[in-house]
Amino acid sequence: MAEDYGWPADLPEPEILTRLVALNTQRHAEEQAGLIRWIRPEYQCPTAENEPEA
């Protein structure tokens, strides 16, 4: 799972959880500002104006 986020594979579980909470906080702030990162925009919101950043 850590590799999916570009993190070292040998992170201890508490560090993974800490990083996931930080990432969730960041995504929440982005969504509050109007940036939505759709996983499948053509299905989830075909009329979305926000394109996910690479």
N, C-alpha and C. Protein backbone atom coordinates (compact mmCIF):
# COMPACT_ATOMS: atom_id res chain seq x y z
N MET A 1 0.81 -1.19 0.00
CA MET A 1 0.00 0.00 0.00
C MET A 1 0.86 1.27 0.00
N ALA A 2 1.91 1.28 0.76
CA ALA A 2 2.75 2.48 0.83
C ALA A 2 3.32 2.83 -0.54
N GLU A 3 3.66 1.83 -1.32
CA GLU A 3 4.23 2.07 -2.64
C GLU A 3 3.25 2.81 -3.55
N ASP A 4 1.96 2.58 -3.34
CA ASP A 4 0.94 3.25 -4.15
C ASP A 4 0.97 4.76 -3.98
N TYR A 5 1.48 5.20 -2.86
CA TYR A 5 1.57 6.64 -2.57
C TYR A 5 2.98 7.18 -2.78
N GLY A 6 3.90 6.32 -3.22
CA GLY A 6 5.28 6.75 -3.41
C GLY A 6 6.07 6.80 -2.12
N TRP A 7 5.60 6.08 -1.11
CA TRP A 7 6.28 6.04 0.18
C TRP A 7 7.13 4.78 0.25
N PRO A 8 8.13 4.76 1.12
CA PRO A 8 8.93 3.54 1.29
C PRO A 8 8.06 2.37 1.73
N ALA A 9 8.38 1.19 1.23
CA ALA A 9 7.58 0.00 1.52
C ALA A 9 7.69 -0.44 2.97
N ASP A 10 8.76 -0.05 3.64
CA ASP A 10 8.99 -0.55 4.99
C ASP A 10 8.53 0.42 6.09
N LEU A 11 7.62 1.32 5.76
CA LEU A 11 7.11 2.24 6.79
C LEU A 11 6.34 1.46 7.85
N PRO A 12 6.53 1.80 9.11
CA PRO A 12 5.71 1.16 10.15
C PRO A 12 4.26 1.64 10.05
N GLU A 13 3.36 0.80 10.50
CA GLU A 13 1.93 1.11 10.40
C GLU A 13 1.56 2.47 11.00
N PRO A 14 2.08 2.85 12.17
CA PRO A 14 1.71 4.17 12.70
C PRO A 14 2.11 5.32 11.76
N GLU A 15 3.25 5.19 11.08
CA GLU A 15 3.68 6.23 10.14
C GLU A 15 2.77 6.26 8.93
N ILE A 16 2.35 5.10 8.44
CA ILE A 16 1.41 5.05 7.32
C ILE A 16 0.11 5.75 7.70
N LEU A 17 -0.40 5.44 8.88
CA LEU A 17 -1.64 6.08 9.33
C LEU A 17 -1.49 7.59 9.46
N THR A 18 -0.35 8.03 9.99
CA THR A 18 -0.09 9.46 10.13
C THR A 18 -0.09 10.13 8.76
N ARG A 19 0.56 9.50 7.79
CA ARG A 19 0.62 10.06 6.44
C ARG A 19 -0.75 10.06 5.76
N LEU A 20 -1.52 9.01 5.98
CA LEU A 20 -2.86 8.96 5.40
C LEU A 20 -3.77 10.04 5.98
N VAL A 21 -3.67 10.27 7.27
CA VAL A 21 -4.47 11.34 7.89
C VAL A 21 -4.06 12.69 7.32
N ALA A 22 -2.77 12.92 7.15
CA ALA A 22 -2.29 14.19 6.58
C ALA A 22 -2.78 14.35 5.14
N LEU A 23 -2.74 13.27 4.37
CA LEU A 23 -3.21 13.32 2.99
C LEU A 23 -4.72 13.59 2.95
N ASN A 24 -5.46 12.96 3.82
CA ASN A 24 -6.90 13.19 3.89
C ASN A 24 -7.21 14.64 4.25
N THR A 25 -6.45 15.19 5.18
CA THR A 25 -6.63 16.60 5.56
C THR A 25 -6.37 17.52 4.37
N GLN A 26 -5.31 17.21 3.63
CA GLN A 26 -4.97 18.00 2.44
C GLN A 26 -6.08 17.90 1.39
N ARG A 27 -6.56 16.71 1.13
CA ARG A 27 -7.63 16.53 0.13
C ARG A 27 -8.91 17.25 0.56
N HIS A 28 -9.21 17.19 1.85
CA HIS A 28 -10.40 17.88 2.35
C HIS A 28 -10.29 19.38 2.09
N ALA A 29 -9.13 19.95 2.38
CA ALA A 29 -8.92 21.38 2.14
C ALA A 29 -9.07 21.71 0.66
N GLU A 30 -8.54 20.86 -0.20
CA GLU A 30 -8.66 21.08 -1.64
C GLU A 30 -10.13 21.04 -2.08
N GLU A 31 -10.87 20.07 -1.56
CA GLU A 31 -12.29 19.97 -1.92
C GLU A 31 -13.07 21.18 -1.42
N GLN A 32 -12.74 21.68 -0.25
CA GLN A 32 -13.39 22.87 0.27
C GLN A 32 -13.10 24.08 -0.62
N ALA A 33 -11.92 24.09 -1.27
CA ALA A 33 -11.54 25.17 -2.17
C ALA A 33 -12.09 24.95 -3.58
N GLY A 34 -12.77 23.81 -3.81
CA GLY A 34 -13.39 23.58 -5.10
C GLY A 34 -12.65 22.62 -6.01
N LEU A 35 -11.51 22.09 -5.58
CA LEU A 35 -10.75 21.15 -6.40
C LEU A 35 -11.16 19.73 -6.04
N ILE A 36 -11.75 19.04 -6.99
CA ILE A 36 -12.16 17.66 -6.78
C ILE A 36 -11.28 16.78 -7.66
N ARG A 37 -10.67 15.78 -7.08
CA ARG A 37 -9.83 14.85 -7.84
C ARG A 37 -10.62 13.57 -8.09
N TRP A 38 -11.34 13.53 -9.20
CA TRP A 38 -12.16 12.38 -9.53
C TRP A 38 -11.27 11.21 -9.93
N ILE A 39 -11.60 10.03 -9.46
CA ILE A 39 -10.88 8.83 -9.85
C ILE A 39 -11.33 8.39 -11.24
N ARG A 40 -12.63 8.43 -11.46
CA ARG A 40 -13.22 8.07 -12.75
C ARG A 40 -14.19 9.19 -13.16
N PRO A 41 -13.67 10.33 -13.63
CA PRO A 41 -14.53 11.48 -13.90
C PRO A 41 -15.63 11.20 -14.92
N GLU A 42 -15.36 10.37 -15.91
CA GLU A 42 -16.38 10.10 -16.92
C GLU A 42 -17.59 9.38 -16.32
N TYR A 43 -17.39 8.71 -15.20
CA TYR A 43 -18.47 7.99 -14.53
C TYR A 43 -19.01 8.80 -13.34
N GLN A 44 -18.10 9.33 -12.52
CA GLN A 44 -18.51 9.99 -11.28
C GLN A 44 -19.14 11.35 -11.52
N CYS A 45 -18.60 12.09 -12.46
CA CYS A 45 -19.12 13.44 -12.72
C CYS A 45 -18.73 13.85 -14.13
N PRO A 46 -19.48 13.41 -15.13
CA PRO A 46 -19.10 13.69 -16.51
C PRO A 46 -19.09 15.17 -16.86
N THR A 47 -19.73 16.01 -16.05
CA THR A 47 -19.75 17.44 -16.33
C THR A 47 -18.76 18.22 -15.46
N ALA A 48 -17.86 17.52 -14.79
CA ALA A 48 -16.90 18.18 -13.89
C ALA A 48 -16.01 19.14 -14.66
N GLU A 49 -15.76 20.29 -14.07
CA GLU A 49 -14.89 21.28 -14.69
C GLU A 49 -13.44 21.12 -14.24
N ASN A 50 -13.23 20.53 -13.07
CA ASN A 50 -11.88 20.36 -12.53
C ASN A 50 -11.23 19.12 -13.10
N GLU A 51 -10.06 19.27 -13.65
CA GLU A 51 -9.29 18.14 -14.13
C GLU A 51 -8.30 17.76 -13.04
N PRO A 52 -8.12 16.46 -12.76
CA PRO A 52 -7.14 16.07 -11.75
C PRO A 52 -5.72 16.42 -12.20
N GLU A 53 -4.91 16.85 -11.25
CA GLU A 53 -3.51 17.17 -11.56
C GLU A 53 -2.71 15.90 -11.65
N ALA A 54 -1.73 15.91 -12.52
CA ALA A 54 -0.87 14.72 -12.68
C ALA A 54 0.08 14.58 -11.53
